C-alpha atoms as a PDB file:
ATOM      1  CA  UNK A   1      -3.660   9.290  29.740  1.00  0.00           C
ATOM      2  CA  UNK A   2      -6.806   9.053  27.633  1.00  0.00           C
ATOM      3  CA  UNK A   3      -6.181   5.367  26.931  1.00  0.00           C
ATOM      4  CA  UNK A   4      -5.862   4.722  30.655  1.00  0.00           C
ATOM      5  CA  UNK A   5      -9.213   6.392  31.249  1.00  0.00           C
ATOM      6  CA  UNK A   6     -10.819   4.474  28.377  1.00  0.00           C
ATOM      7  CA  UNK A   7      -9.434   1.231  29.778  1.00  0.00           C
ATOM      8  CA  UNK A   8     -10.972   1.953  33.178  1.00  0.00           C
ATOM      9  CA  UNK A   9     -14.299   2.930  31.598  1.00  0.00           C
ATOM     10  CA  UNK A  10     -14.318  -0.237  29.486  1.00  0.00           C
ATOM     11  CA  UNK A  11     -13.574  -2.409  32.510  1.00  0.00           C
ATOM     12  CA  UNK A  12     -16.305  -0.678  34.538  1.00  0.00           C
ATOM     13  CA  UNK A  13     -18.861  -1.187  31.747  1.00  0.00           C
ATOM     14  CA  UNK A  14     -17.858  -4.830  31.440  1.00  0.00           C
ATOM     15  CA  UNK A  15     -18.099  -5.499  35.184  1.00  0.00           C
ATOM     16  CA  UNK A  16     -21.412  -3.681  35.584  1.00  0.00           C
ATOM     17  CA  UNK A  17     -23.134  -5.539  32.774  1.00  0.00           C
ATOM     18  CA  UNK A  18     -21.637  -8.950  33.626  1.00  0.00           C
ATOM     19  CA  UNK A  19     -23.201  -8.475  37.045  1.00  0.00           C
ATOM     20  CA  UNK A  20     -26.418  -7.537  35.279  1.00  0.00           C
ATOM     21  CA  UNK A  21     -26.331 -10.738  33.210  1.00  0.00           C
ATOM     22  CA  UNK A  22     -25.814 -12.846  36.328  1.00  0.00           C
ATOM     23  CA  UNK A  23     -28.568 -10.991  38.187  1.00  0.00           C
ATOM     24  CA  UNK A  24     -30.931 -11.389  35.223  1.00  0.00           C
ATOM     25  CA  UNK A  25     -30.228 -15.112  34.910  1.00  0.00           C
ATOM     26  CA  UNK A  26     -30.940 -15.658  38.613  1.00  0.00           C
ATOM     27  CA  UNK A  27     -34.060 -13.452  38.720  1.00  0.00           C
ATOM     28  CA  UNK A  28     -35.657 -12.839  35.320  1.00  0.00           C
ATOM     29  CA  UNK A  29     -37.605  -9.846  36.628  1.00  0.00           C
ATOM     30  CA  UNK A  30     -34.603  -7.919  37.951  1.00  0.00           C
ATOM     31  CA  UNK A  31     -33.557  -5.929  34.879  1.00  0.00           C
ATOM     32  CA  UNK A  32     -31.217  -3.557  36.730  1.00  0.00           C
ATOM     33  CA  UNK A  33     -30.035  -0.538  34.748  1.00  0.00           C
ATOM     34  CA  UNK A  34     -31.966  -1.584  31.676  1.00  0.00           C
ATOM     35  CA  UNK A  35     -35.382  -1.647  33.341  1.00  0.00           C
ATOM     36  CA  UNK A  36     -36.578   1.153  31.077  1.00  0.00           C
ATOM     37  CA  UNK A  37     -35.868  -0.933  27.997  1.00  0.00           C
ATOM     38  CA  UNK A  38     -38.903  -3.175  28.044  1.00  0.00           C
ATOM     39  CA  UNK A  39     -39.065  -5.991  25.515  1.00  0.00           C
ATOM     40  CA  UNK A  40     -38.832  -8.822  28.009  1.00  0.00           C
ATOM     41  CA  UNK A  41     -36.159 -11.164  29.240  1.00  0.00           C
ATOM     42  CA  UNK A  42     -34.550 -12.103  25.914  1.00  0.00           C
ATOM     43  CA  UNK A  43     -34.046  -8.544  24.696  1.00  0.00           C
ATOM     44  CA  UNK A  44     -32.712  -7.374  28.042  1.00  0.00           C
ATOM     45  CA  UNK A  45     -30.289 -10.307  28.206  1.00  0.00           C
ATOM     46  CA  UNK A  46     -29.121  -9.641  24.645  1.00  0.00           C
ATOM     47  CA  UNK A  47     -28.499  -5.942  25.337  1.00  0.00           C
ATOM     48  CA  UNK A  48     -26.587  -6.824  28.510  1.00  0.00           C
ATOM     49  CA  UNK A  49     -24.482  -9.252  26.472  1.00  0.00           C
ATOM     50  CA  UNK A  50     -23.766  -6.654  23.785  1.00  0.00           C
ATOM     51  CA  UNK A  51     -22.703  -4.130  26.425  1.00  0.00           C
ATOM     52  CA  UNK A  52     -20.378  -6.708  28.027  1.00  0.00           C
ATOM     53  CA  UNK A  53     -18.753  -7.257  24.628  1.00  0.00           C
ATOM     54  CA  UNK A  54     -18.455  -3.478  24.116  1.00  0.00           C
ATOM     55  CA  UNK A  55     -16.718  -3.179  27.493  1.00  0.00           C
ATOM     56  CA  UNK A  56     -14.302  -6.007  26.672  1.00  0.00           C
ATOM     57  CA  UNK A  57     -13.490  -4.558  23.245  1.00  0.00           C
ATOM     58  CA  UNK A  58     -12.999  -1.043  24.616  1.00  0.00           C
ATOM     59  CA  UNK A  59     -10.702  -2.315  27.363  1.00  0.00           C
ATOM     60  CA  UNK A  60      -8.631  -4.415  24.958  1.00  0.00           C
ATOM     61  CA  UNK A  61      -8.410  -1.711  22.300  1.00  0.00           C
ATOM     62  CA  UNK A  62      -7.336   0.968  24.775  1.00  0.00           C
ATOM     63  CA  UNK A  63      -4.726  -1.369  26.287  1.00  0.00           C
ATOM     64  CA  UNK A  64      -3.254  -2.078  22.851  1.00  0.00           C
ATOM     65  CA  UNK A  65      -3.208   1.630  22.004  1.00  0.00           C
ATOM     66  CA  UNK A  66      -1.521   2.453  25.329  1.00  0.00           C
ATOM     67  CA  UNK A  67       1.157  -0.167  24.566  1.00  0.00           C
ATOM     68  CA  UNK A  68       1.714   1.332  21.120  1.00  0.00           C
ATOM     69  CA  UNK A  69       2.215   4.758  22.652  1.00  0.00           C
ATOM     70  CA  UNK A  70       4.671   3.272  25.161  1.00  0.00           C
ATOM     71  CA  UNK A  71       2.598   3.499  28.324  1.00  0.00           C
ATOM     72  CA  UNK A  72       2.583  -0.277  28.893  1.00  0.00           C
ATOM     73  CA  UNK A  73       5.550  -2.611  29.130  1.00  0.00           C
END
């Protein structure tokens, strides 16, 4: 069950920050959830990108672990 929850969390993080990347590329001033970060466009875009990668890795890792436990076919 915990791998299922981690997979959902990873997918949610990925989707949220992919939307943030798209929003930031369209409007450089709209920093979304990372508005508190400061540092300008480049830093905010880089952090969004890192969080997208974290979401992808978490989703993939939890899926593989769920398969190893026998929860996926």
